[in-house]
C-alpha cells in the first residue's frame, strides 16, 4: 500500500512539474495586451501574474485584459505582468517601472502566493505596502484576489484541499487590505 502511495505521489509530482514547464513555455510566447489610442479618455494600468498576461488565451485580444480594452475603445491600457510571480515579486517589479497617474489600476495577483505557501503575515504586509505604493498613481484601485487555485485540473487530492483551504486565507487577507485602502 505504501509503495502505491509513493508511486502516486511521484507521478502526481511529475505531472505538475511537466504541466508547469508547459505553462512556462506558453507564457514565454504570450503577447501581453496593451492599447494606446491617439486621444485616450481613460487610462488603465494592469499589474499581475499570468492571468494579467493572458496566458492560455488564444490571442491577446481574447485575454481578460484584452476583453476589457476591447470594450473600452478610448482607454489607454498599460500592462506590467510576469509569469509565475508572487505579490512581493510583483511589487519589486512594478517599483522599477516608470509609472504615471492612471484613472484606475487593476491588480490581479495571489495565485502563486497560494501555491508557493507565502507566509500570510508577510503577504499581508507586502500587499498593504504595494497598494499604498499604487495609491500614489491612482485613487481607484481594483484588487482581484485568487480564486480556487487548488481546483485547477493539474492538482489532485490532497493538493486540491490544501490549496483551496489556503485560498480562503489569502482571500481574507486581500479583502482586509482592500477594505483598509478602499479598493
N, C-alpha and C. Protein backbone atom coordinates (compact mmCIF):
# COMPACT_ATOMS: atom_id res chain seq x y z
N UNK A 1 0.82 -1.20 0.00
CA UNK A 1 0.00 0.00 0.00
C UNK A 1 0.86 1.26 0.00
N UNK A 2 1.92 1.24 0.82
CA UNK A 2 2.83 2.37 0.90
C UNK A 2 3.52 2.62 -0.44
N UNK A 3 3.88 1.54 -1.13
CA UNK A 3 4.53 1.66 -2.43
C UNK A 3 3.58 2.32 -3.44
N UNK A 4 2.31 1.94 -3.41
CA UNK A 4 1.32 2.56 -4.30
C UNK A 4 1.18 4.05 -4.02
N UNK A 5 1.15 4.41 -2.76
CA UNK A 5 1.04 5.82 -2.37
C UNK A 5 2.26 6.60 -2.85
N UNK A 6 3.43 6.05 -2.67
CA UNK A 6 4.66 6.71 -3.12
C UNK A 6 4.66 6.86 -4.64
N UNK A 7 4.25 5.82 -5.35
CA UNK A 7 4.16 5.89 -6.82
C UNK A 7 3.16 6.96 -7.26
N UNK A 8 2.01 7.00 -6.59
CA UNK A 8 1.01 8.02 -6.91
C UNK A 8 1.57 9.42 -6.70
N UNK A 9 2.21 9.65 -5.56
CA UNK A 9 2.77 10.98 -5.26
C UNK A 9 3.87 11.34 -6.25
N UNK A 10 4.68 10.37 -6.63
CA UNK A 10 5.75 10.61 -7.60
C UNK A 10 5.17 10.98 -8.96
N UNK A 11 4.18 10.23 -9.41
CA UNK A 11 3.55 10.52 -10.71
C UNK A 11 2.81 11.86 -10.68
N UNK A 12 2.13 12.17 -9.59
CA UNK A 12 1.43 13.44 -9.47
C UNK A 12 2.43 14.59 -9.50
N UNK A 13 3.55 14.45 -8.83
CA UNK A 13 4.58 15.48 -8.82
C UNK A 13 5.16 15.67 -10.22
N UNK A 14 5.46 14.58 -10.90
CA UNK A 14 5.99 14.67 -12.26
C UNK A 14 5.00 15.36 -13.19
N UNK A 15 3.72 15.05 -13.04
CA UNK A 15 2.68 15.67 -13.86
C UNK A 15 2.62 17.17 -13.63
N UNK A 16 2.67 17.58 -12.36
CA UNK A 16 2.63 19.01 -12.03
C UNK A 16 3.85 19.72 -12.59
N UNK A 17 5.02 19.12 -12.44
CA UNK A 17 6.26 19.72 -12.98
C UNK A 17 6.16 19.84 -14.49
N UNK A 18 5.73 18.78 -15.15
CA UNK A 18 5.58 18.80 -16.62
C UNK A 18 4.61 19.90 -17.06
N UNK A 19 3.43 19.96 -16.43
CA UNK A 19 2.45 20.97 -16.83
C UNK A 19 2.91 22.37 -16.47
N UNK A 20 3.67 22.50 -15.38
CA UNK A 20 4.24 23.80 -15.02
C UNK A 20 5.23 24.27 -16.07
N UNK A 21 6.08 23.38 -16.53
CA UNK A 21 7.05 23.73 -17.57
C UNK A 21 6.34 24.06 -18.88
N UNK A 22 5.28 23.32 -19.18
CA UNK A 22 4.50 23.58 -20.39
C UNK A 22 3.85 24.97 -20.32
N UNK A 23 3.30 25.32 -19.15
CA UNK A 23 2.70 26.64 -18.95
C UNK A 23 3.74 27.73 -19.09
N UNK A 24 4.93 27.49 -18.54
CA UNK A 24 6.01 28.46 -18.65
C UNK A 24 6.38 28.69 -20.11
N UNK A 25 6.40 27.62 -20.89
CA UNK A 25 6.69 27.73 -22.31
C UNK A 25 5.62 28.55 -23.03
N UNK A 26 4.35 28.29 -22.72
CA UNK A 26 3.24 29.06 -23.31
C UNK A 26 3.34 30.51 -22.88
N UNK A 27 3.67 30.73 -21.59
CA UNK A 27 3.79 32.09 -21.06
C UNK A 27 4.84 32.91 -21.78
N UNK A 28 5.95 32.27 -22.15
CA UNK A 28 7.01 32.99 -22.86
C UNK A 28 6.56 33.45 -24.24
N UNK A 29 5.59 32.75 -24.83
CA UNK A 29 5.08 33.12 -26.16
C UNK A 29 3.89 34.06 -26.09
N UNK A 30 3.38 34.30 -24.90
CA UNK A 30 2.20 35.13 -24.73
C UNK A 30 2.52 36.59 -25.01
N UNK A 31 1.68 37.22 -25.80
CA UNK A 31 1.81 38.65 -26.07
C UNK A 31 0.87 39.38 -25.11
N UNK A 32 1.45 40.24 -24.28
CA UNK A 32 0.67 40.96 -23.27
C UNK A 32 -0.11 42.07 -23.96
N UNK A 33 -1.40 42.16 -23.65
CA UNK A 33 -2.28 43.14 -24.27
C UNK A 33 -2.00 44.54 -23.74
N UNK A 34 -1.85 45.47 -24.66
CA UNK A 34 -1.81 46.90 -24.35
C UNK A 34 -2.59 47.62 -25.42
N UNK A 35 -3.05 48.80 -25.07
CA UNK A 35 -3.86 49.60 -26.01
C UNK A 35 -3.49 51.07 -25.81
N UNK A 36 -3.15 51.73 -26.92
CA UNK A 36 -2.72 53.13 -26.86
C UNK A 36 -3.43 53.95 -27.94
N UNK A 37 -4.70 54.33 -27.69
CA UNK A 37 -5.41 55.15 -28.68
C UNK A 37 -4.80 56.56 -28.76
N UNK A 38 -5.06 57.24 -29.89
CA UNK A 38 -4.50 58.58 -30.09
C UNK A 38 -4.91 59.57 -29.02
N UNK A 39 -6.16 59.64 -28.71
CA UNK A 39 -6.67 60.59 -27.71
C UNK A 39 -7.46 59.83 -26.64
N UNK A 40 -6.76 59.18 -25.71
CA UNK A 40 -7.47 58.38 -24.71
C UNK A 40 -8.31 59.27 -23.77
N UNK A 41 -9.45 58.75 -23.38
CA UNK A 41 -10.31 59.46 -22.44
C UNK A 41 -10.21 58.84 -21.04
N UNK A 42 -9.48 57.73 -20.94
CA UNK A 42 -9.37 57.00 -19.68
C UNK A 42 -8.07 56.22 -19.71
N UNK A 43 -7.43 56.04 -18.55
CA UNK A 43 -6.19 55.25 -18.50
C UNK A 43 -6.32 54.14 -17.47
N UNK A 44 -5.86 52.95 -17.85
CA UNK A 44 -5.94 51.77 -17.01
C UNK A 44 -4.57 51.10 -16.96
N UNK A 45 -4.06 50.92 -15.75
CA UNK A 45 -2.84 50.16 -15.55
C UNK A 45 -3.23 48.80 -15.00
N UNK A 46 -2.73 47.74 -15.63
CA UNK A 46 -3.00 46.37 -15.18
C UNK A 46 -1.68 45.76 -14.71
N UNK A 47 -1.65 45.30 -13.47
CA UNK A 47 -0.46 44.65 -12.94
C UNK A 47 -0.85 43.29 -12.39
N UNK A 48 0.03 42.31 -12.60
CA UNK A 48 -0.30 40.99 -12.08
C UNK A 48 0.57 39.88 -12.61
N UNK A 49 -0.01 38.70 -12.56
CA UNK A 49 0.70 37.47 -12.92
C UNK A 49 0.22 36.93 -14.26
N UNK A 50 0.22 35.63 -14.44
CA UNK A 50 -0.13 35.01 -15.72
C UNK A 50 -1.54 35.37 -16.17
N UNK A 51 -2.45 35.56 -15.24
CA UNK A 51 -3.82 35.94 -15.59
C UNK A 51 -3.82 37.32 -16.28
N UNK A 52 -3.04 38.23 -15.76
CA UNK A 52 -2.93 39.56 -16.36
C UNK A 52 -2.23 39.48 -17.71
N UNK A 53 -1.26 38.58 -17.82
CA UNK A 53 -0.56 38.40 -19.09
C UNK A 53 -1.48 37.87 -20.18
N UNK A 54 -2.44 37.06 -19.78
CA UNK A 54 -3.32 36.43 -20.75
C UNK A 54 -2.87 35.04 -21.15
N UNK A 55 -2.06 34.40 -20.30
CA UNK A 55 -1.59 33.05 -20.59
C UNK A 55 -2.79 32.13 -20.77
N UNK A 56 -2.80 31.40 -21.85
CA UNK A 56 -3.88 30.46 -22.14
C UNK A 56 -4.92 31.01 -23.10
N UNK A 57 -4.95 32.33 -23.29
CA UNK A 57 -5.90 32.92 -24.24
C UNK A 57 -5.36 32.70 -25.65
N UNK A 58 -6.25 32.50 -26.60
CA UNK A 58 -5.82 32.24 -27.97
C UNK A 58 -5.12 33.44 -28.60
N UNK A 59 -5.52 34.65 -28.22
CA UNK A 59 -4.86 35.88 -28.67
C UNK A 59 -4.86 36.86 -27.50
N UNK A 60 -4.05 37.91 -27.59
CA UNK A 60 -4.04 38.89 -26.50
C UNK A 60 -5.39 39.60 -26.40
N UNK A 61 -6.10 39.74 -27.52
CA UNK A 61 -7.42 40.37 -27.51
C UNK A 61 -8.44 39.50 -26.77
N UNK A 62 -8.21 38.18 -26.73
CA UNK A 62 -9.13 37.27 -26.04
C UNK A 62 -8.80 37.09 -24.57
N UNK A 63 -7.74 37.73 -24.10
CA UNK A 63 -7.40 37.67 -22.68
C UNK A 63 -8.38 38.54 -21.90
N UNK A 64 -8.35 38.41 -20.59
CA UNK A 64 -9.23 39.22 -19.75
C UNK A 64 -8.95 40.71 -19.99
N UNK A 65 -7.69 41.09 -19.99
CA UNK A 65 -7.32 42.49 -20.20
C UNK A 65 -7.68 42.92 -21.62
N UNK A 66 -7.50 42.04 -22.59
CA UNK A 66 -7.89 42.34 -23.97
C UNK A 66 -9.38 42.58 -24.11
N UNK A 67 -10.17 41.79 -23.41
CA UNK A 67 -11.63 41.99 -23.44
C UNK A 67 -12.02 43.31 -22.79
N UNK A 68 -11.36 43.66 -21.70
CA UNK A 68 -11.64 44.95 -21.06
C UNK A 68 -11.28 46.09 -22.01
N UNK A 69 -10.08 46.03 -22.57
CA UNK A 69 -9.64 47.07 -23.50
C UNK A 69 -10.51 47.15 -24.74
N UNK A 70 -10.91 45.99 -25.25
CA UNK A 70 -11.75 45.96 -26.44
C UNK A 70 -13.11 46.59 -26.22
N UNK A 71 -13.60 46.51 -24.99
CA UNK A 71 -14.91 47.10 -24.71
C UNK A 71 -14.80 48.57 -24.31
N UNK A 72 -13.60 49.04 -24.09
CA UNK A 72 -13.36 50.44 -23.74
C UNK A 72 -12.39 51.04 -24.76
N UNK A 73 -12.89 51.32 -25.94
CA UNK A 73 -12.06 51.70 -27.09
C UNK A 73 -11.15 52.90 -26.85
N UNK A 74 -11.59 53.91 -26.16
CA UNK A 74 -10.80 55.13 -25.96
C UNK A 74 -9.93 55.06 -24.71
N UNK A 75 -9.72 53.86 -24.20
CA UNK A 75 -8.95 53.68 -22.97
C UNK A 75 -7.52 53.29 -23.29
N UNK A 76 -6.58 53.99 -22.65
CA UNK A 76 -5.18 53.58 -22.73
C UNK A 76 -5.00 52.44 -21.72
N UNK A 77 -4.52 51.30 -22.19
CA UNK A 77 -4.29 50.14 -21.33
C UNK A 77 -2.80 49.84 -21.31
N UNK A 78 -2.23 49.92 -20.12
CA UNK A 78 -0.81 49.61 -19.91
C UNK A 78 -0.75 48.39 -19.00
N UNK A 79 0.11 47.44 -19.35
CA UNK A 79 0.21 46.20 -18.56
C UNK A 79 1.63 45.97 -18.09
N UNK A 80 1.76 45.62 -16.84
CA UNK A 80 3.03 45.17 -16.26
C UNK A 80 2.74 43.84 -15.57
N UNK A 81 3.07 42.75 -16.24
CA UNK A 81 2.74 41.43 -15.73
C UNK A 81 3.91 40.47 -15.97
N UNK A 82 4.00 39.50 -15.09
CA UNK A 82 5.05 38.49 -15.20
C UNK A 82 4.44 37.13 -14.84
N UNK A 83 4.95 36.11 -15.49
CA UNK A 83 4.50 34.74 -15.28
C UNK A 83 5.05 34.19 -13.97
N UNK A 84 4.20 33.51 -13.20
CA UNK A 84 4.65 32.79 -12.01
C UNK A 84 5.18 33.67 -10.90
N UNK A 85 4.62 34.84 -10.75
CA UNK A 85 5.16 35.83 -9.83
C UNK A 85 4.29 35.93 -8.57
N UNK A 86 4.94 36.09 -7.43
CA UNK A 86 4.23 36.30 -6.17
C UNK A 86 3.96 37.79 -5.98
N UNK A 87 3.19 38.11 -4.97
CA UNK A 87 2.88 39.52 -4.69
C UNK A 87 4.14 40.33 -4.41
N UNK A 88 5.04 39.79 -3.60
CA UNK A 88 6.26 40.54 -3.29
C UNK A 88 7.13 40.72 -4.53
N UNK A 89 7.20 39.72 -5.40
CA UNK A 89 7.98 39.84 -6.63
C UNK A 89 7.35 40.86 -7.57
N UNK A 90 6.01 40.87 -7.63
CA UNK A 90 5.33 41.85 -8.47
C UNK A 90 5.57 43.26 -7.96
N UNK A 91 5.50 43.44 -6.65
CA UNK A 91 5.75 44.75 -6.05
C UNK A 91 7.14 45.24 -6.43
N UNK A 92 8.15 44.40 -6.29
CA UNK A 92 9.53 44.80 -6.67
C UNK A 92 9.62 45.13 -8.15
N UNK A 93 8.97 44.34 -8.98
CA UNK A 93 8.97 44.56 -10.44
C UNK A 93 8.30 45.89 -10.79
N UNK A 94 7.13 46.14 -10.21
CA UNK A 94 6.37 47.35 -10.54
C UNK A 94 7.10 48.60 -10.05
N UNK A 95 7.78 48.51 -8.91
CA UNK A 95 8.53 49.67 -8.40
C UNK A 95 9.61 50.12 -9.38
N UNK A 96 10.10 49.21 -10.21
CA UNK A 96 11.15 49.53 -11.18
C UNK A 96 10.61 50.11 -12.48
N UNK A 97 9.29 50.09 -12.66
CA UNK A 97 8.67 50.59 -13.89
C UNK A 97 8.43 52.10 -13.78
N UNK A 98 8.39 52.75 -14.92
CA UNK A 98 8.06 54.17 -14.93
C UNK A 98 6.54 54.30 -14.97
N UNK A 99 5.98 54.63 -13.83
CA UNK A 99 4.53 54.75 -13.72
C UNK A 99 4.14 56.22 -13.73
N UNK A 100 2.96 56.48 -14.27
CA UNK A 100 2.40 57.83 -14.23
C UNK A 100 1.11 57.76 -13.43
N UNK A 101 0.30 58.77 -13.53
CA UNK A 101 -1.03 58.74 -12.91
C UNK A 101 -1.99 58.01 -13.83
N UNK A 102 -2.83 57.17 -13.26
CA UNK A 102 -3.82 56.41 -14.02
C UNK A 102 -5.20 56.65 -13.41
N UNK A 103 -6.23 56.56 -14.24
CA UNK A 103 -7.58 56.67 -13.72
C UNK A 103 -7.92 55.48 -12.82
N UNK A 104 -7.47 54.30 -13.24
CA UNK A 104 -7.73 53.08 -12.48
C UNK A 104 -6.53 52.15 -12.61
N UNK A 105 -6.25 51.43 -11.53
CA UNK A 105 -5.24 50.37 -11.55
C UNK A 105 -5.93 49.06 -11.18
N UNK A 106 -5.75 48.06 -12.02
CA UNK A 106 -6.29 46.72 -11.79
C UNK A 106 -5.14 45.82 -11.34
N UNK A 107 -5.28 45.23 -10.16
CA UNK A 107 -4.26 44.35 -9.61
C UNK A 107 -4.82 42.93 -9.56
N UNK A 108 -4.17 42.02 -10.27
CA UNK A 108 -4.59 40.61 -10.28
C UNK A 108 -3.37 39.76 -9.90
N UNK A 109 -3.35 39.31 -8.66
CA UNK A 109 -2.19 38.58 -8.14
C UNK A 109 -2.67 37.65 -7.03
N UNK A 110 -1.82 36.76 -6.60
CA UNK A 110 -2.10 35.94 -5.44
C UNK A 110 -2.07 34.44 -5.66
N UNK A 111 -2.26 33.99 -6.89
CA UNK A 111 -2.27 32.55 -7.16
C UNK A 111 -0.97 31.87 -6.76
N UNK A 112 0.15 32.51 -7.08
CA UNK A 112 1.44 31.91 -6.73
C UNK A 112 1.72 32.00 -5.24
N UNK A 113 1.12 32.99 -4.57
CA UNK A 113 1.25 33.06 -3.11
C UNK A 113 0.55 31.87 -2.47
N UNK A 114 -0.53 31.41 -3.08
CA UNK A 114 -1.23 30.22 -2.59
C UNK A 114 -0.35 29.00 -2.84
N UNK A 115 0.12 28.83 -4.05
CA UNK A 115 0.88 27.64 -4.44
C UNK A 115 2.23 27.57 -3.74
N UNK A 116 2.91 28.71 -3.64
CA UNK A 116 4.24 28.73 -3.02
C UNK A 116 4.18 28.88 -1.49
N UNK A 117 2.96 28.87 -0.94
CA UNK A 117 2.77 28.92 0.51
C UNK A 117 3.46 30.13 1.15
N UNK A 118 3.32 31.29 0.52
CA UNK A 118 3.88 32.53 1.07
C UNK A 118 3.34 32.72 2.50
N UNK A 119 4.22 33.10 3.40
CA UNK A 119 3.82 33.36 4.78
C UNK A 119 2.71 34.41 4.78
N UNK A 120 1.61 34.13 5.48
CA UNK A 120 0.44 35.02 5.43
C UNK A 120 0.71 36.39 6.04
N UNK A 121 1.50 36.46 7.08
CA UNK A 121 1.83 37.76 7.68
C UNK A 121 2.68 38.59 6.71
N UNK A 122 3.63 37.92 6.07
CA UNK A 122 4.47 38.60 5.07
C UNK A 122 3.61 39.06 3.89
N UNK A 123 2.69 38.20 3.45
CA UNK A 123 1.81 38.54 2.33
C UNK A 123 0.97 39.77 2.66
N UNK A 124 0.38 39.79 3.85
CA UNK A 124 -0.46 40.92 4.25
C UNK A 124 0.35 42.22 4.29
N UNK A 125 1.54 42.16 4.87
CA UNK A 125 2.41 43.35 4.96
C UNK A 125 2.81 43.82 3.56
N UNK A 126 3.22 42.90 2.72
CA UNK A 126 3.64 43.25 1.36
C UNK A 126 2.48 43.82 0.55
N UNK A 127 1.33 43.17 0.62
CA UNK A 127 0.17 43.64 -0.13
C UNK A 127 -0.24 45.04 0.34
N UNK A 128 -0.21 45.27 1.64
CA UNK A 128 -0.54 46.57 2.21
C UNK A 128 0.42 47.65 1.66
N UNK A 129 1.71 47.36 1.67
CA UNK A 129 2.71 48.32 1.15
C UNK A 129 2.54 48.52 -0.36
N UNK A 130 2.24 47.45 -1.07
CA UNK A 130 2.06 47.52 -2.52
C UNK A 130 0.87 48.41 -2.88
N UNK A 131 -0.25 48.21 -2.22
CA UNK A 131 -1.44 49.01 -2.51
C UNK A 131 -1.19 50.47 -2.11
N UNK A 132 -0.51 50.70 -0.99
CA UNK A 132 -0.17 52.08 -0.59
C UNK A 132 0.71 52.74 -1.66
N UNK A 133 1.65 51.98 -2.21
CA UNK A 133 2.50 52.48 -3.29
C UNK A 133 1.67 52.82 -4.53
N UNK A 134 0.76 51.92 -4.91
CA UNK A 134 -0.07 52.15 -6.09
C UNK A 134 -1.01 53.33 -5.91
N UNK A 135 -1.41 53.60 -4.66
CA UNK A 135 -2.30 54.75 -4.38
C UNK A 135 -1.64 56.07 -4.80
N UNK A 136 -0.32 56.10 -4.90
CA UNK A 136 0.39 57.29 -5.39
C UNK A 136 0.16 57.50 -6.89
N UNK A 137 -0.34 56.48 -7.57
CA UNK A 137 -0.50 56.53 -9.02
C UNK A 137 -1.96 56.48 -9.46
N UNK A 138 -2.88 56.26 -8.52
CA UNK A 138 -4.31 56.27 -8.83
C UNK A 138 -5.12 56.29 -7.54
N UNK A 139 -6.25 56.96 -7.60
CA UNK A 139 -7.16 56.96 -6.46
C UNK A 139 -8.11 55.76 -6.51
N UNK A 140 -8.18 55.11 -7.67
CA UNK A 140 -9.11 53.99 -7.87
C UNK A 140 -8.30 52.73 -8.16
N UNK A 141 -8.32 51.79 -7.22
CA UNK A 141 -7.61 50.53 -7.40
C UNK A 141 -8.61 49.39 -7.27
N UNK A 142 -8.56 48.50 -8.22
CA UNK A 142 -9.39 47.29 -8.19
C UNK A 142 -8.46 46.14 -7.85
N UNK A 143 -8.71 45.50 -6.73
CA UNK A 143 -7.87 44.40 -6.25
C UNK A 143 -8.62 43.10 -6.43
N UNK A 144 -8.09 42.26 -7.31
CA UNK A 144 -8.71 40.95 -7.56
C UNK A 144 -7.84 39.87 -6.90
N UNK A 145 -8.46 39.06 -6.07
CA UNK A 145 -7.72 38.02 -5.38
C UNK A 145 -7.89 36.69 -6.11
N UNK A 146 -7.02 35.73 -5.78
CA UNK A 146 -7.09 34.44 -6.48
C UNK A 146 -8.37 33.69 -6.16
N UNK A 147 -8.82 32.96 -7.16
CA UNK A 147 -10.00 32.12 -6.96
C UNK A 147 -9.53 30.76 -6.49
N UNK A 148 -10.24 29.73 -6.76
CA UNK A 148 -9.92 28.39 -6.26
C UNK A 148 -8.74 27.79 -7.02
N UNK A 149 -7.54 28.24 -6.65
CA UNK A 149 -6.31 27.77 -7.29
C UNK A 149 -6.20 26.26 -7.24
N UNK A 150 -6.57 25.67 -6.14
CA UNK A 150 -6.47 24.22 -5.99
C UNK A 150 -7.40 23.43 -6.89
N UNK A 151 -8.38 24.08 -7.47
CA UNK A 151 -9.32 23.39 -8.35
C UNK A 151 -8.81 23.29 -9.79
N UNK A 152 -7.62 23.82 -10.03
CA UNK A 152 -7.05 23.68 -11.38
C UNK A 152 -6.88 22.20 -11.68
N UNK A 153 -7.13 21.80 -12.93
CA UNK A 153 -7.11 20.36 -13.24
C UNK A 153 -5.76 19.68 -13.06
N UNK A 154 -4.68 20.44 -12.90
CA UNK A 154 -3.39 19.77 -12.72
C UNK A 154 -3.21 19.24 -11.31
N UNK A 155 -4.04 19.67 -10.37
CA UNK A 155 -3.89 19.25 -8.99
C UNK A 155 -4.91 18.17 -8.63
N UNK A 156 -4.48 17.25 -7.79
CA UNK A 156 -5.33 16.18 -7.30
C UNK A 156 -5.29 16.18 -5.77
N UNK A 157 -6.18 15.37 -5.19
CA UNK A 157 -6.17 15.18 -3.75
C UNK A 157 -4.77 14.75 -3.33
N UNK A 158 -4.20 15.25 -2.28
CA UNK A 158 -4.70 16.20 -1.29
C UNK A 158 -4.39 17.66 -1.62
N UNK A 159 -3.67 17.90 -2.72
CA UNK A 159 -3.30 19.29 -3.04
C UNK A 159 -4.51 20.18 -3.27
N UNK A 160 -5.58 19.64 -3.86
CA UNK A 160 -6.77 20.47 -4.08
C UNK A 160 -7.30 20.99 -2.74
N UNK A 161 -7.35 20.13 -1.73
CA UNK A 161 -7.85 20.55 -0.43
C UNK A 161 -6.90 21.53 0.24
N UNK A 162 -5.61 21.27 0.16
CA UNK A 162 -4.61 22.16 0.78
C UNK A 162 -4.67 23.54 0.14
N UNK A 163 -4.64 23.59 -1.19
CA UNK A 163 -4.63 24.88 -1.88
C UNK A 163 -5.96 25.62 -1.71
N UNK A 164 -7.07 24.92 -1.80
CA UNK A 164 -8.36 25.60 -1.64
C UNK A 164 -8.56 26.13 -0.23
N UNK A 165 -8.03 25.42 0.77
CA UNK A 165 -8.07 25.92 2.14
C UNK A 165 -7.21 27.17 2.26
N UNK A 166 -6.08 27.13 1.61
CA UNK A 166 -5.16 28.28 1.65
C UNK A 166 -5.74 29.48 0.90
N UNK A 167 -6.46 29.24 -0.20
CA UNK A 167 -7.10 30.32 -0.95
C UNK A 167 -8.00 31.14 -0.04
N UNK A 168 -8.73 30.47 0.82
CA UNK A 168 -9.66 31.17 1.72
C UNK A 168 -8.88 32.12 2.64
N UNK A 169 -7.73 31.68 3.14
CA UNK A 169 -6.90 32.54 3.99
C UNK A 169 -6.36 33.73 3.19
N UNK A 170 -5.89 33.47 1.99
CA UNK A 170 -5.34 34.54 1.14
C UNK A 170 -6.44 35.52 0.75
N UNK A 171 -7.61 35.02 0.42
CA UNK A 171 -8.73 35.92 0.07
C UNK A 171 -9.09 36.83 1.25
N UNK A 172 -9.04 36.29 2.46
CA UNK A 172 -9.33 37.09 3.65
C UNK A 172 -8.31 38.22 3.79
N UNK A 173 -7.06 37.94 3.52
CA UNK A 173 -6.02 38.97 3.56
C UNK A 173 -6.30 40.03 2.50
N UNK A 174 -6.62 39.61 1.31
CA UNK A 174 -6.88 40.55 0.22
C UNK A 174 -8.10 41.43 0.55
N UNK A 175 -9.14 40.81 1.10
CA UNK A 175 -10.32 41.60 1.49
C UNK A 175 -9.98 42.64 2.55
N UNK A 176 -9.21 42.23 3.56
CA UNK A 176 -8.83 43.13 4.63
C UNK A 176 -8.00 44.31 4.14
N UNK A 177 -7.00 44.02 3.32
CA UNK A 177 -6.16 45.09 2.76
C UNK A 177 -6.98 45.95 1.82
N UNK A 178 -7.83 45.33 1.02
CA UNK A 178 -8.70 46.09 0.11
C UNK A 178 -9.61 47.04 0.85
N UNK A 179 -10.21 46.57 1.92
CA UNK A 179 -11.08 47.43 2.73
C UNK A 179 -10.30 48.56 3.37
N UNK A 180 -9.12 48.27 3.87
CA UNK A 180 -8.28 49.29 4.50
C UNK A 180 -7.97 50.43 3.53
N UNK A 181 -7.68 50.06 2.28
CA UNK A 181 -7.30 51.05 1.26
C UNK A 181 -8.47 51.46 0.37
N UNK A 182 -9.67 50.99 0.72
CA UNK A 182 -10.89 51.31 -0.04
C UNK A 182 -10.77 50.92 -1.51
N UNK A 183 -10.31 49.70 -1.72
CA UNK A 183 -10.18 49.17 -3.10
C UNK A 183 -11.47 48.47 -3.49
